[in-house]
């Protein structure tokens, strides 16, 4: 399955509790909660570049599936981790106790991030 494309956030659940739990300041949480971020995914074989634009904030992560890479977290911290491709349509990574699963299904991308008992879910559609 080709995972490349540009996707815009359509809906999200538990944004505020999750962002508070990872230590994002309230000011940034309030600014970011209503912004429809855009994710651009470029896949070249096992190599991916993911660019997420939320207002004026741009976060770019490049990685090769199955190899350790330095990834930027939502708080701006850089952490080494391994992204795995599961079942040909799911990117799975663990970053500082956060389990992130990004599932591709047709024109929909569902990203679920779990920290303890807080599950933050984002649903984006292909543009």
PDB file of N, CA and C in Angstrom:
ATOM      1  N   UNK A   1       0.845  -1.181   0.000  1.00  0.00           N
ATOM      2  CA  UNK A   1       0.000   0.000   0.000  1.00  0.00           C
ATOM      3  C   UNK A   1       0.891   1.245   0.000  1.00  0.00           C
ATOM      4  N   UNK A   2       0.671   2.154  -0.925  1.00  0.00           N
ATOM      5  CA  UNK A   2       1.422   3.410  -0.958  1.00  0.00           C
ATOM      6  C   UNK A   2       0.852   4.328   0.116  1.00  0.00           C
ATOM      7  N   UNK A   3       1.722   4.805   0.987  1.00  0.00           N
ATOM      8  CA  UNK A   3       1.258   5.601   2.115  1.00  0.00           C
ATOM      9  C   UNK A   3       1.489   7.096   1.920  1.00  0.00           C
ATOM     10  N   UNK A   4       2.076   7.485   0.782  1.00  0.00           N
ATOM     11  CA  UNK A   4       2.349   8.895   0.529  1.00  0.00           C
ATOM     12  C   UNK A   4       1.061   9.679   0.330  1.00  0.00           C
ATOM     13  N   UNK A   5       1.109  10.961   0.702  1.00  0.00           N
ATOM     14  CA  UNK A   5      -0.035  11.830   0.466  1.00  0.00           C
ATOM     15  C   UNK A   5      -0.058  12.989   1.431  1.00  0.00           C
ATOM     16  N   UNK A   6      -1.044  13.869   1.232  1.00  0.00           N
ATOM     17  CA  UNK A   6      -1.244  15.030   2.086  1.00  0.00           C
ATOM     18  C   UNK A   6      -2.598  14.852   2.754  1.00  0.00           C
ATOM     19  N   UNK A   7      -2.621  14.998   4.078  1.00  0.00           N
ATOM     20  CA  UNK A   7      -3.828  14.706   4.847  1.00  0.00           C
ATOM     21  C   UNK A   7      -4.137  15.863   5.791  1.00  0.00           C
ATOM     22  N   UNK A   8      -5.433  16.228   5.886  1.00  0.00           N
ATOM     23  CA  UNK A   8      -5.831  17.302   6.795  1.00  0.00           C
ATOM     24  C   UNK A   8      -6.647  16.727   7.943  1.00  0.00           C
ATOM     25  N   UNK A   9      -6.333  17.204   9.149  1.00  0.00           N
ATOM     26  CA  UNK A   9      -7.044  16.762  10.341  1.00  0.00           C
ATOM     27  C   UNK A   9      -8.531  17.065  10.213  1.00  0.00           C
ATOM     28  N   UNK A  10      -9.370  16.052  10.482  1.00  0.00           N
ATOM     29  CA  UNK A  10     -10.824  16.225  10.434  1.00  0.00           C
ATOM     30  C   UNK A  10     -11.419  16.258  11.839  1.00  0.00           C
ATOM     31  N   UNK A  11     -10.913  15.403  12.725  1.00  0.00           N
ATOM     32  CA  UNK A  11     -11.441  15.353  14.089  1.00  0.00           C
ATOM     33  C   UNK A  11     -10.384  14.793  15.026  1.00  0.00           C
ATOM     34  N   UNK A  12     -10.546  15.076  16.320  1.00  0.00           N
ATOM     35  CA  UNK A  12      -9.623  14.547  17.314  1.00  0.00           C
ATOM     36  C   UNK A  12     -10.355  14.376  18.639  1.00  0.00           C
ATOM     37  N   UNK A  13      -9.885  13.414  19.425  1.00  0.00           N
ATOM     38  CA  UNK A  13     -10.473  13.127  20.736  1.00  0.00           C
ATOM     39  C   UNK A  13      -9.374  13.183  21.786  1.00  0.00           C
ATOM     40  N   UNK A  14      -9.675  13.776  22.928  1.00  0.00           N
ATOM     41  CA  UNK A  14      -8.772  13.848  24.091  1.00  0.00           C
ATOM     42  C   UNK A  14      -7.515  14.672  23.840  1.00  0.00           C
ATOM     43  N   UNK A  15      -7.620  15.697  22.979  1.00  0.00           N
ATOM     44  CA  UNK A  15      -6.466  16.561  22.698  1.00  0.00           C
ATOM     45  C   UNK A  15      -5.934  17.216  23.981  1.00  0.00           C
ATOM     46  N   UNK A  16      -6.819  17.923  24.703  1.00  0.00           N
ATOM     47  CA  UNK A  16      -6.353  18.687  25.867  1.00  0.00           C
ATOM     48  C   UNK A  16      -5.775  17.800  26.973  1.00  0.00           C
ATOM     49  N   UNK A  17      -6.466  16.712  27.400  1.00  0.00           N
ATOM     50  CA  UNK A  17      -5.879  15.885  28.464  1.00  0.00           C
ATOM     51  C   UNK A  17      -4.531  15.277  28.069  1.00  0.00           C
ATOM     52  N   UNK A  18      -4.399  14.874  26.804  1.00  0.00           N
ATOM     53  CA  UNK A  18      -3.148  14.263  26.345  1.00  0.00           C
ATOM     54  C   UNK A  18      -2.021  15.299  26.351  1.00  0.00           C
ATOM     55  N   UNK A  19      -2.283  16.487  25.804  1.00  0.00           N
ATOM     56  CA  UNK A  19      -1.260  17.527  25.734  1.00  0.00           C
ATOM     57  C   UNK A  19      -0.823  17.974  27.126  1.00  0.00           C
ATOM     58  N   UNK A  20      -1.778  18.035  28.069  1.00  0.00           N
ATOM     59  CA  UNK A  20      -1.425  18.370  29.463  1.00  0.00           C
ATOM     60  C   UNK A  20      -0.526  17.272  30.034  1.00  0.00           C
ATOM     61  N   UNK A  21      -0.860  16.017  29.759  1.00  0.00           N
ATOM     62  CA  UNK A  21      -0.108  14.876  30.302  1.00  0.00           C
ATOM     63  C   UNK A  21       1.335  14.846  29.795  1.00  0.00           C
ATOM     64  N   UNK A  22       1.576  15.330  28.561  1.00  0.00           N
ATOM     65  CA  UNK A  22       2.956  15.319  28.043  1.00  0.00           C
ATOM     66  C   UNK A  22       3.700  16.606  28.394  1.00  0.00           C
ATOM     67  N   UNK A  23       3.003  17.529  29.084  1.00  0.00           N
ATOM     68  CA  UNK A  23       3.677  18.720  29.583  1.00  0.00           C
ATOM     69  C   UNK A  23       3.639  19.937  28.685  1.00  0.00           C
ATOM     70  N   UNK A  24       2.745  19.948  27.701  1.00  0.00           N
ATOM     71  CA  UNK A  24       2.627  21.122  26.837  1.00  0.00           C
ATOM     72  C   UNK A  24       1.972  22.259  27.631  1.00  0.00           C
ATOM     73  N   UNK A  25       2.495  23.488  27.549  1.00  0.00           N
ATOM     74  CA  UNK A  25       1.902  24.607  28.293  1.00  0.00           C
ATOM     75  C   UNK A  25       0.468  24.891  27.844  1.00  0.00           C
ATOM     76  N   UNK A  26      -0.372  25.322  28.803  1.00  0.00           N
ATOM     77  CA  UNK A  26      -1.787  25.615  28.517  1.00  0.00           C
ATOM     78  C   UNK A  26      -1.955  26.586  27.352  1.00  0.00           C
ATOM     79  N   UNK A  27      -1.066  27.577  27.264  1.00  0.00           N
ATOM     80  CA  UNK A  27      -1.153  28.579  26.193  1.00  0.00           C
ATOM     81  C   UNK A  27      -1.063  27.905  24.814  1.00  0.00           C
ATOM     82  N   UNK A  28      -0.128  26.967  24.671  1.00  0.00           N
ATOM     83  CA  UNK A  28       0.027  26.259  23.393  1.00  0.00           C
ATOM     84  C   UNK A  28      -1.141  25.303  23.143  1.00  0.00           C
ATOM     85  N   UNK A  29      -1.652  24.697  24.204  1.00  0.00           N
ATOM     86  CA  UNK A  29      -2.809  23.791  24.070  1.00  0.00           C
ATOM     87  C   UNK A  29      -4.001  24.577  23.532  1.00  0.00           C
ATOM     88  N   UNK A  30      -4.261  25.744  24.110  1.00  0.00           N
ATOM     89  CA  UNK A  30      -5.397  26.558  23.668  1.00  0.00           C
ATOM     90  C   UNK A  30      -5.221  27.025  22.226  1.00  0.00           C
ATOM     91  N   UNK A  31      -3.994  27.402  21.852  1.00  0.00           N
ATOM     92  CA  UNK A  31      -3.721  27.843  20.470  1.00  0.00           C
ATOM     93  C   UNK A  31      -3.921  26.699  19.482  1.00  0.00           C
ATOM     94  N   UNK A  32      -3.510  25.489  19.875  1.00  0.00           N
ATOM     95  CA  UNK A  32      -3.485  24.375  18.943  1.00  0.00           C
ATOM     96  C   UNK A  32      -4.750  23.560  18.828  1.00  0.00           C
ATOM     97  N   UNK A  33      -5.668  23.715  19.799  1.00  0.00           N
ATOM     98  CA  UNK A  33      -6.803  22.779  19.840  1.00  0.00           C
ATOM     99  C   UNK A  33      -7.768  22.877  18.665  1.00  0.00           C
ATOM    100  N   UNK A  34      -7.859  24.049  18.033  1.00  0.00           N
ATOM    101  CA  UNK A  34      -8.811  24.207  16.925  1.00  0.00           C
ATOM    102  C   UNK A  34      -8.149  24.268  15.553  1.00  0.00           C
ATOM    103  N   UNK A  35      -6.824  24.116  15.522  1.00  0.00           N
ATOM    104  CA  UNK A  35      -6.117  24.187  14.242  1.00  0.00           C
ATOM    105  C   UNK A  35      -6.215  22.844  13.521  1.00  0.00           C
ATOM    106  N   UNK A  36      -6.572  22.876  12.271  1.00  0.00           N
ATOM    107  CA  UNK A  36      -6.655  21.654  11.447  1.00  0.00           C
ATOM    108  C   UNK A  36      -5.291  21.420  10.803  1.00  0.00           C
ATOM    109  N   UNK A  37      -4.444  20.689  11.497  1.00  0.00           N
ATOM    110  CA  UNK A  37      -3.083  20.468  11.006  1.00  0.00           C
ATOM    111  C   UNK A  37      -3.092  19.677   9.692  1.00  0.00           C
ATOM    112  N   UNK A  38      -1.999  19.847   8.953  1.00  0.00           N
ATOM    113  CA  UNK A  38      -1.827  19.139   7.684  1.00  0.00           C
ATOM    114  C   UNK A  38      -0.584  18.269   7.795  1.00  0.00           C
ATOM    115  N   UNK A  39      -0.744  17.001   7.460  1.00  0.00           N
ATOM    116  CA  UNK A  39       0.375  16.057   7.478  1.00  0.00           C
ATOM    117  C   UNK A  39       0.693  15.664   6.046  1.00  0.00           C
ATOM    118  N   UNK A  40       1.981  15.776   5.694  1.00  0.00           N
ATOM    119  CA  UNK A  40       2.412  15.333   4.370  1.00  0.00           C
ATOM    120  C   UNK A  40       3.370  14.172   4.565  1.00  0.00           C
ATOM    121  N   UNK A  41       3.062  13.067   3.927  1.00  0.00           N
ATOM    122  CA  UNK A  41       3.860  11.851   4.067  1.00  0.00           C
ATOM    123  C   UNK A  41       4.456  11.509   2.709  1.00  0.00           C
ATOM    124  N   UNK A  42       5.784  11.367   2.693  1.00  0.00           N
ATOM    125  CA  UNK A  42       6.475  10.974   1.472  1.00  0.00           C
ATOM    126  C   UNK A  42       7.165   9.653   1.761  1.00  0.00           C
ATOM    127  N   UNK A  43       6.778   8.634   1.010  1.00  0.00           N
ATOM    128  CA  UNK A  43       7.347   7.293   1.176  1.00  0.00           C
ATOM    129  C   UNK A  43       8.199   6.960  -0.029  1.00  0.00           C
ATOM    130  N   UNK A  44       9.415   6.502   0.243  1.00  0.00           N
ATOM    131  CA  UNK A  44      10.308   6.036  -0.813  1.00  0.00           C
ATOM    132  C   UNK A  44      10.838   4.681  -0.342  1.00  0.00           C
ATOM    133  N   UNK A  45      10.140   3.600  -0.722  1.00  0.00           N
ATOM    134  CA  UNK A  45      10.494   2.268  -0.215  1.00  0.00           C
ATOM    135  C   UNK A  45      10.238   2.216   1.275  1.00  0.00           C
ATOM    136  N   UNK A  46      11.292   1.918   2.072  1.00  0.00           N
ATOM    137  CA  UNK A  46      11.161   1.846   3.524  1.00  0.00           C
ATOM    138  C   UNK A  46      11.486   3.170   4.203  1.00  0.00           C
ATOM    139  N   UNK A  47      11.800   4.206   3.412  1.00  0.00           N
ATOM    140  CA  UNK A  47      12.151   5.507   3.986  1.00  0.00           C
ATOM    141  C   UNK A  47      10.942   6.443   3.917  1.00  0.00           C
ATOM    142  N   UNK A  48      10.694   7.141   5.030  1.00  0.00           N
ATOM    143  CA  UNK A  48       9.567   8.067   5.117  1.00  0.00           C
ATOM    144  C   UNK A  48      10.045   9.430   5.578  1.00  0.00           C
ATOM    145  N   UNK A  49       9.398  10.476   5.054  1.00  0.00           N
ATOM    146  CA  UNK A  49       9.533  11.816   5.606  1.00  0.00           C
ATOM    147  C   UNK A  49       8.111  12.283   5.909  1.00  0.00           C
ATOM    148  N   UNK A  50       7.889  12.637   7.178  1.00  0.00           N
ATOM    149  CA  UNK A  50       6.572  13.076   7.621  1.00  0.00           C
ATOM    150  C   UNK A  50       6.691  14.532   8.074  1.00  0.00           C
ATOM    151  N   UNK A  51       5.929  15.410   7.425  1.00  0.00           N
ATOM    152  CA  UNK A  51       5.928  16.831   7.770  1.00  0.00           C
ATOM    153  C   UNK A  51       4.541  17.178   8.294  1.00  0.00           C
ATOM    154  N   UNK A  52       4.479  17.661   9.531  1.00  0.00           N
ATOM    155  CA  UNK A  52       3.199  18.057  10.129  1.00  0.00           C
ATOM    156  C   UNK A  52       3.241  19.564  10.351  1.00  0.00           C
ATOM    157  N   UNK A  53       2.283  20.273   9.725  1.00  0.00           N
ATOM    158  CA  UNK A  53       2.198  21.719   9.855  1.00  0.00           C
ATOM    159  C   UNK A  53       0.950  22.054  10.665  1.00  0.00           C
ATOM    160  N   UNK A  54       1.172  22.690  11.821  1.00  0.00           N
ATOM    161  CA  UNK A  54       0.082  23.101  12.706  1.00  0.00           C
ATOM    162  C   UNK A  54       0.231  24.603  12.902  1.00  0.00           C
ATOM    163  N   UNK A  55      -0.565  25.385  12.172  1.00  0.00           N
ATOM    164  CA  UNK A  55      -0.405  26.831  12.214  1.00  0.00           C
ATOM    165  C   UNK A  55       0.979  27.183  11.700  1.00  0.00           C
ATOM    166  N   UNK A  56       1.774  27.883  12.532  1.00  0.00           N
ATOM    167  CA  UNK A  56       3.116  28.272  12.115  1.00  0.00           C
ATOM    168  C   UNK A  56       4.163  27.237  12.527  1.00  0.00           C
ATOM    169  N   UNK A  57       3.770  26.217  13.291  1.00  0.00           N
ATOM    170  CA  UNK A  57       4.716  25.187  13.751  1.00  0.00           C
ATOM    171  C   UNK A  57       4.823  24.081  12.707  1.00  0.00           C
ATOM    172  N   UNK A  58       6.058  23.784  12.308  1.00  0.00           N
ATOM    173  CA  UNK A  58       6.312  22.722  11.338  1.00  0.00           C
ATOM    174  C   UNK A  58       7.246  21.707  11.987  1.00  0.00           C
ATOM    175  N   UNK A  59       6.827  20.444  11.986  1.00  0.00           N
ATOM    176  CA  UNK A  59       7.631  19.365  12.556  1.00  0.00           C
ATOM    177  C   UNK A  59       7.921  18.364  11.438  1.00  0.00           C
ATOM    178  N   UNK A  60       9.210  18.072  11.216  1.00  0.00           N
ATOM    179  CA  UNK A  60       9.606  17.145  10.157  1.00  0.00           C
ATOM    180  C   UNK A  60      10.365  15.977  10.787  1.00  0.00           C
ATOM    181  N   UNK A  61       9.916  14.775  10.506  1.00  0.00           N
ATOM    182  CA  UNK A  61      10.613  13.569  10.952  1.00  0.00           C
ATOM    183  C   UNK A  61      10.897  12.689   9.738  1.00  0.00           C
ATOM    184  N   UNK A  62      12.155  12.270   9.605  1.00  0.00           N
ATOM    185  CA  UNK A  62      12.552  11.333   8.551  1.00  0.00           C
ATOM    186  C   UNK A  62      13.061  10.071   9.214  1.00  0.00           C
ATOM    187  N   UNK A  63      12.657   8.933   8.669  1.00  0.00           N
ATOM    188  CA  UNK A  63      13.079   7.665   9.256  1.00  0.00           C
ATOM    189  C   UNK A  63      13.013   6.558   8.224  1.00  0.00           C
ATOM    190  N   UNK A  64      13.764   5.507   8.502  1.00  0.00           N
ATOM    191  CA  UNK A  64      13.707   4.284   7.709  1.00  0.00           C
ATOM    192  C   UNK A  64      13.114   3.208   8.606  1.00  0.00           C
ATOM    193  N   UNK A  65      12.087   2.537   8.113  1.00  0.00           N
ATOM    194  CA  UNK A  65      11.398   1.499   8.882  1.00  0.00           C
ATOM    195  C   UNK A  65      12.409   0.474   9.405  1.00  0.00           C
ATOM    196  N   UNK A  66      12.286   0.165  10.706  1.00  0.00           N
ATOM    197  CA  UNK A  66      13.121  -0.861  11.312  1.00  0.00           C
ATOM    198  C   UNK A  66      14.508  -0.405  11.736  1.00  0.00           C
ATOM    199  N   UNK A  67      14.843   0.882  11.477  1.00  0.00           N
ATOM    200  CA  UNK A  67      16.157   1.407  11.863  1.00  0.00           C
ATOM    201  C   UNK A  67      15.989   2.542  12.866  1.00  0.00           C
ATOM    202  N   UNK A  68      16.916   2.615  13.833  1.00  0.00           N
ATOM    203  CA  UNK A  68      16.845   3.688  14.823  1.00  0.00           C
ATOM    204  C   UNK A  68      17.009   5.039  14.137  1.00  0.00           C
ATOM    205  N   UNK A  69      16.135   5.978  14.513  1.00  0.00           N
ATOM    206  CA  UNK A  69      16.164   7.332  13.962  1.00  0.00           C
ATOM    207  C   UNK A  69      15.919   8.318  15.090  1.00  0.00           C
ATOM    208  N   UNK A  70      16.358   9.554  14.878  1.00  0.00           N
ATOM    209  CA  UNK A  70      16.061  10.603  15.843  1.00  0.00           C
ATOM    210  C   UNK A  70      14.757  11.264  15.410  1.00  0.00           C
ATOM    211  N   UNK A  71      13.765  11.241  16.303  1.00  0.00           N
ATOM    212  CA  UNK A  71      12.439  11.764  15.995  1.00  0.00           C
ATOM    213  C   UNK A  71      12.099  12.901  16.944  1.00  0.00           C
ATOM    214  N   UNK A  72      11.441  13.930  16.420  1.00  0.00           N
ATOM    215  CA  UNK A  72      10.996  15.048  17.253  1.00  0.00           C
ATOM    216  C   UNK A  72       9.625  14.716  17.818  1.00  0.00           C
ATOM    217  N   UNK A  73       9.453  14.953  19.132  1.00  0.00           N
ATOM    218  CA  UNK A  73       8.171  14.699  19.784  1.00  0.00           C
ATOM    219  C   UNK A  73       7.292  15.943  19.696  1.00  0.00           C
ATOM    220  N   UNK A  74       6.056  15.828  20.181  1.00  0.00           N
ATOM    221  CA  UNK A  74       5.122  16.953  20.164  1.00  0.00           C
ATOM    222  C   UNK A  74       5.607  18.120  21.019  1.00  0.00           C
ATOM    223  N   UNK A  75       6.488  17.827  22.002  1.00  0.00           N
ATOM    224  CA  UNK A  75       7.008  18.889  22.875  1.00  0.00           C
ATOM    225  C   UNK A  75       8.297  19.493  22.321  1.00  0.00           C
ATOM    226  N   UNK A  76       8.775  18.982  21.165  1.00  0.00           N
ATOM    227  CA  UNK A  76       9.980  19.512  20.556  1.00  0.00           C
ATOM    228  C   UNK A  76      11.248  18.758  20.932  1.00  0.00           C
ATOM    229  N   UNK A  77      11.113  17.816  21.861  1.00  0.00           N
ATOM    230  CA  UNK A  77      12.257  17.004  22.275  1.00  0.00           C
ATOM    231  C   UNK A  77      12.624  16.021  21.173  1.00  0.00           C
ATOM    232  N   UNK A  78      13.926  15.741  21.031  1.00  0.00           N
ATOM    233  CA  UNK A  78      14.374  14.768  20.032  1.00  0.00           C
ATOM    234  C   UNK A  78      14.754  13.471  20.749  1.00  0.00           C
ATOM    235  N   UNK A  79      14.182  12.357  20.278  1.00  0.00           N
ATOM    236  CA  UNK A  79      14.370  11.055  20.913  1.00  0.00           C
ATOM    237  C   UNK A  79      14.709  10.021  19.848  1.00  0.00           C
ATOM    238  N   UNK A  80      15.633   9.118  20.173  1.00  0.00           N
ATOM    239  CA  UNK A  80      15.960   8.022  19.250  1.00  0.00           C
ATOM    240  C   UNK A  80      14.964   6.887  19.471  1.00  0.00           C
ATOM    241  N   UNK A  81      14.407   6.397  18.386  1.00  0.00           N
ATOM    242  CA  UNK A  81      13.461   5.296  18.455  1.00  0.00           C
ATOM    243  C   UNK A  81      13.411   4.596  17.094  1.00  0.00           C
ATOM    244  N   UNK A  82      12.686   3.475  17.052  1.00  0.00           N
ATOM    245  CA  UNK A  82      12.540   2.685  15.829  1.00  0.00           C
ATOM    246  C   UNK A  82      11.069   2.667  15.434  1.00  0.00           C
ATOM    247  N   UNK A  83      10.793   3.067  14.190  1.00  0.00           N
ATOM    248  CA  UNK A  83       9.437   3.004  13.647  1.00  0.00           C
ATOM    249  C   UNK A  83       9.314   1.695  12.883  1.00  0.00           C
ATOM    250  N   UNK A  84       8.239   0.953  13.151  1.00  0.00           N
ATOM    251  CA  UNK A  84       8.002  -0.312  12.453  1.00  0.00           C
ATOM    252  C   UNK A  84       6.759  -0.202  11.588  1.00  0.00           C
ATOM    253  N   UNK A  85       6.771  -0.907  10.463  1.00  0.00           N
ATOM    254  CA  UNK A  85       5.616  -0.994   9.572  1.00  0.00           C
ATOM    255  C   UNK A  85       4.962  -2.340   9.836  1.00  0.00           C
ATOM    256  N   UNK A  86       3.695  -2.302  10.256  1.00  0.00           N
ATOM    257  CA  UNK A  86       2.976  -3.518  10.629  1.00  0.00           C
ATOM    258  C   UNK A  86       1.829  -3.735   9.649  1.00  0.00           C
ATOM    259  N   UNK A  87       1.769  -4.908   9.063  1.00  0.00           N
ATOM    260  CA  UNK A  87       0.664  -5.256   8.174  1.00  0.00           C
ATOM    261  C   UNK A  87       0.594  -4.428   6.901  1.00  0.00           C
ATOM    262  N   UNK A  88       1.654  -3.705   6.581  1.00  0.00           N
ATOM    263  CA  UNK A  88       1.690  -2.922   5.345  1.00  0.00           C
ATOM    264  C   UNK A  88       0.942  -1.608   5.398  1.00  0.00           C
ATOM    265  N   UNK A  89       0.181  -1.339   6.503  1.00  0.00           N
ATOM    266  CA  UNK A  89      -0.593  -0.095   6.552  1.00  0.00           C
ATOM    267  C   UNK A  89      -0.558   0.605   7.909  1.00  0.00           C
ATOM    268  N   UNK A  90       0.313   0.155   8.832  1.00  0.00           N
ATOM    269  CA  UNK A  90       0.397   0.792  10.148  1.00  0.00           C
ATOM    270  C   UNK A  90       1.842   1.120  10.480  1.00  0.00           C
ATOM    271  N   UNK A  91       2.086   2.373  10.871  1.00  0.00           N
ATOM    272  CA  UNK A  91       3.390   2.779  11.377  1.00  0.00           C
ATOM    273  C   UNK A  91       3.276   2.827  12.897  1.00  0.00           C
ATOM    274  N   UNK A  92       4.165   2.096  13.577  1.00  0.00           N
ATOM    275  CA  UNK A  92       4.094   1.964  15.032  1.00  0.00           C
ATOM    276  C   UNK A  92       5.427   2.391  15.630  1.00  0.00           C
ATOM    277  N   UNK A  93       5.355   3.259  16.665  1.00  0.00           N
ATOM    278  CA  UNK A  93       6.575   3.714  17.347  1.00  0.00           C
ATOM    279  C   UNK A  93       6.250   4.005  18.809  1.00  0.00           C
ATOM    280  N   UNK A  94       7.247   3.834  19.655  1.00  0.00           N
ATOM    281  CA  UNK A  94       7.121   4.169  21.063  1.00  0.00           C
ATOM    282  C   UNK A  94       8.119   5.284  21.365  1.00  0.00           C
ATOM    283  N   UNK A  95       7.616   6.394  21.904  1.00  0.00           N
ATOM    284  CA  UNK A  95       8.460   7.550  22.228  1.00  0.00           C
ATOM    285  C   UNK A  95       8.194   7.977  23.662  1.00  0.00           C
ATOM    286  N   UNK A  96       9.155   7.767  24.544  1.00  0.00           N
ATOM    287  CA  UNK A  96       9.052   8.226  25.933  1.00  0.00           C
ATOM    288  C   UNK A  96       7.733   7.806  26.580  1.00  0.00           C
ATOM    289  N   UNK A  97       7.396   6.542  26.481  1.00  0.00           N
ATOM    290  CA  UNK A  97       6.176   6.049  27.122  1.00  0.00           C
ATOM    291  C   UNK A  97       4.911   6.261  26.321  1.00  0.00           C
ATOM    292  N   UNK A  98       5.011   6.941  25.189  1.00  0.00           N
ATOM    293  CA  UNK A  98       3.849   7.158  24.313  1.00  0.00           C
ATOM    294  C   UNK A  98       3.894   6.115  23.206  1.00  0.00           C
ATOM    295  N   UNK A  99       2.827   5.346  23.091  1.00  0.00           N
ATOM    296  CA  UNK A  99       2.709   4.359  22.015  1.00  0.00           C
ATOM    297  C   UNK A  99       1.912   5.021  20.899  1.00  0.00           C
ATOM    298  N   UNK A 100       2.508   5.165  19.720  1.00  0.00           N
ATOM    299  CA  UNK A 100       1.847   5.820  18.594  1.00  0.00           C
ATOM    300  C   UNK A 100       1.613   4.821  17.470  1.00  0.00           C
ATOM    301  N   UNK A 101       0.358   4.743  17.017  1.00  0.00           N
ATOM    302  CA  UNK A 101      -0.004   3.875  15.896  1.00  0.00           C
ATOM    303  C   UNK A 101      -0.697   4.743  14.852  1.00  0.00           C
ATOM    304  N   UNK A 102      -0.144   4.765  13.636  1.00  0.00           N
ATOM    305  CA  UNK A 102      -0.741   5.514  12.534  1.00  0.00           C
ATOM    306  C   UNK A 102      -1.205   4.497  11.502  1.00  0.00           C
ATOM    307  N   UNK A 103      -2.529   4.440  11.308  1.00  0.00           N
ATOM    308  CA  UNK A 103      -3.110   3.436  10.413  1.00  0.00           C
ATOM    309  C   UNK A 103      -3.694   4.109   9.178  1.00  0.00           C
ATOM    310  N   UNK A 104      -3.321   3.571   8.016  1.00  0.00           N
ATOM    311  CA  UNK A 104      -3.787   4.071   6.731  1.00  0.00           C
ATOM    312  C   UNK A 104      -4.880   3.147   6.201  1.00  0.00           C
ATOM    313  N   UNK A 105      -6.027   3.743   5.821  1.00  0.00           N
ATOM    314  CA  UNK A 105      -7.126   2.967   5.264  1.00  0.00           C
ATOM    315  C   UNK A 105      -7.797   3.816   4.185  1.00  0.00           C
ATOM    316  N   UNK A 106      -7.498   3.509   2.923  1.00  0.00           N
ATOM    317  CA  UNK A 106      -8.046   4.314   1.822  1.00  0.00           C
ATOM    318  C   UNK A 106      -7.567   5.745   1.923  1.00  0.00           C
ATOM    319  N   UNK A 107      -8.504   6.707   2.000  1.00  0.00           N
ATOM    320  CA  UNK A 107      -8.161   8.124   2.088  1.00  0.00           C
ATOM    321  C   UNK A 107      -8.158   8.644   3.522  1.00  0.00           C
ATOM    322  N   UNK A 108      -8.198   7.739   4.500  1.00  0.00           N
ATOM    323  CA  UNK A 108      -8.254   8.121   5.906  1.00  0.00           C
ATOM    324  C   UNK A 108      -7.003   7.657   6.636  1.00  0.00           C
ATOM    325  N   UNK A 109      -6.483   8.543   7.485  1.00  0.00           N
ATOM    326  CA  UNK A 109      -5.359   8.195   8.351  1.00  0.00           C
ATOM    327  C   UNK A 109      -5.826   8.387   9.789  1.00  0.00           C
ATOM    328  N   UNK A 110      -5.700   7.338  10.602  1.00  0.00           N
ATOM    329  CA  UNK A 110      -6.054   7.414  12.012  1.00  0.00           C
ATOM    330  C   UNK A 110      -4.785   7.254  12.830  1.00  0.00           C
ATOM    331  N   UNK A 111      -4.483   8.280  13.631  1.00  0.00           N
ATOM    332  CA  UNK A 111      -3.312   8.238  14.499  1.00  0.00           C
ATOM    333  C   UNK A 111      -3.810   8.165  15.934  1.00  0.00           C
ATOM    334  N   UNK A 112      -3.376   7.130  16.643  1.00  0.00           N
ATOM    335  CA  UNK A 112      -3.758   6.945  18.042  1.00  0.00           C
ATOM    336  C   UNK A 112      -2.496   6.974  18.881  1.00  0.00           C
ATOM    337  N   UNK A 113      -2.448   7.885  19.855  1.00  0.00           N
ATOM    338  CA  UNK A 113      -1.317   7.969  20.769  1.00  0.00           C
ATOM    339  C   UNK A 113      -1.819   7.671  22.171  1.00  0.00           C
ATOM    340  N   UNK A 114      -1.160   6.727  22.829  1.00  0.00           N
ATOM    341  CA  UNK A 114      -1.584   6.303  24.152  1.00  0.00           C
ATOM    342  C   UNK A 114      -0.479   6.584  25.157  1.00  0.00           C
ATOM    343  N   UNK A 115      -0.841   7.254  26.241  1.00  0.00           N
ATOM    344  CA  UNK A 115       0.065   7.521  27.352  1.00  0.00           C
ATOM    345  C   UNK A 115      -0.692   7.151  28.618  1.00  0.00           C
ATOM    346  N   UNK A 116      -0.280   6.042  29.256  1.00  0.00           N
ATOM    347  CA  UNK A 116      -1.009   5.565  30.433  1.00  0.00           C
ATOM    348  C   UNK A 116      -2.431   5.230  30.035  1.00  0.00           C
ATOM    349  N   UNK A 117      -3.411   5.889  30.700  1.00  0.00           N
ATOM    350  CA  UNK A 117      -4.820   5.606  30.373  1.00  0.00           C
ATOM    351  C   UNK A 117      -5.439   6.676  29.477  1.00  0.00           C
ATOM    352  N   UNK A 118      -4.604   7.585  28.938  1.00  0.00           N
ATOM    353  CA  UNK A 118      -5.114   8.635  28.044  1.00  0.00           C
ATOM    354  C   UNK A 118      -4.865   8.221  26.594  1.00  0.00           C
ATOM    355  N   UNK A 119      -5.943   8.189  25.812  1.00  0.00           N
ATOM    356  CA  UNK A 119      -5.837   7.827  24.400  1.00  0.00           C
ATOM    357  C   UNK A 119      -6.232   9.047  23.572  1.00  0.00           C
ATOM    358  N   UNK A 120      -5.273   9.560  22.813  1.00  0.00           N
ATOM    359  CA  UNK A 120      -5.489  10.718  21.945  1.00  0.00           C
ATOM    360  C   UNK A 120      -5.622  10.199  20.524  1.00  0.00           C
ATOM    361  N   UNK A 121      -6.763  10.476  19.906  1.00  0.00           N
ATOM    362  CA  UNK A 121      -7.032   9.958  18.567  1.00  0.00           C
ATOM    363  C   UNK A 121      -7.232  11.106  17.596  1.00  0.00           C
ATOM    364  N   UNK A 122      -6.557  11.014  16.450  1.00  0.00           N
ATOM    365  CA  UNK A 122      -6.650  12.017  15.379  1.00  0.00           C
ATOM    366  C   UNK A 122      -7.080  11.311  14.093  1.00  0.00           C
ATOM    367  N   UNK A 123      -8.068  11.852  13.416  1.00  0.00           N
ATOM    368  CA  UNK A 123      -8.512  11.297  12.135  1.00  0.00           C
ATOM    369  C   UNK A 123      -8.317  12.366  11.070  1.00  0.00           C
ATOM    370  N   UNK A 124      -7.552  12.013  10.027  1.00  0.00           N
ATOM    371  CA  UNK A 124      -7.257  12.928   8.927  1.00  0.00           C
ATOM    372  C   UNK A 124      -7.721  12.316   7.608  1.00  0.00           C
ATOM    373  N   UNK A 125      -8.065  13.194   6.661  1.00  0.00           N
ATOM    374  CA  UNK A 125      -8.516  12.751   5.336  1.00  0.00           C
ATOM    375  C   UNK A 125      -7.547  13.266   4.277  1.00  0.00           C
ATOM    376  N   UNK A 126      -7.388  12.461   3.207  1.00  0.00           N
ATOM    377  CA  UNK A 126      -6.530  12.856   2.085  1.00  0.00           C
ATOM    378  C   UNK A 126      -7.079  14.128   1.450  1.00  0.00           C
ATOM    379  N   UNK A 127      -6.160  15.033   1.113  1.00  0.00           N
ATOM    380  CA  UNK A 127      -6.557  16.319   0.487  1.00  0.00           C
ATOM    381  C   UNK A 127      -6.533  16.174  -1.021  1.00  0.00           C
TER     382      UNK A 127
END
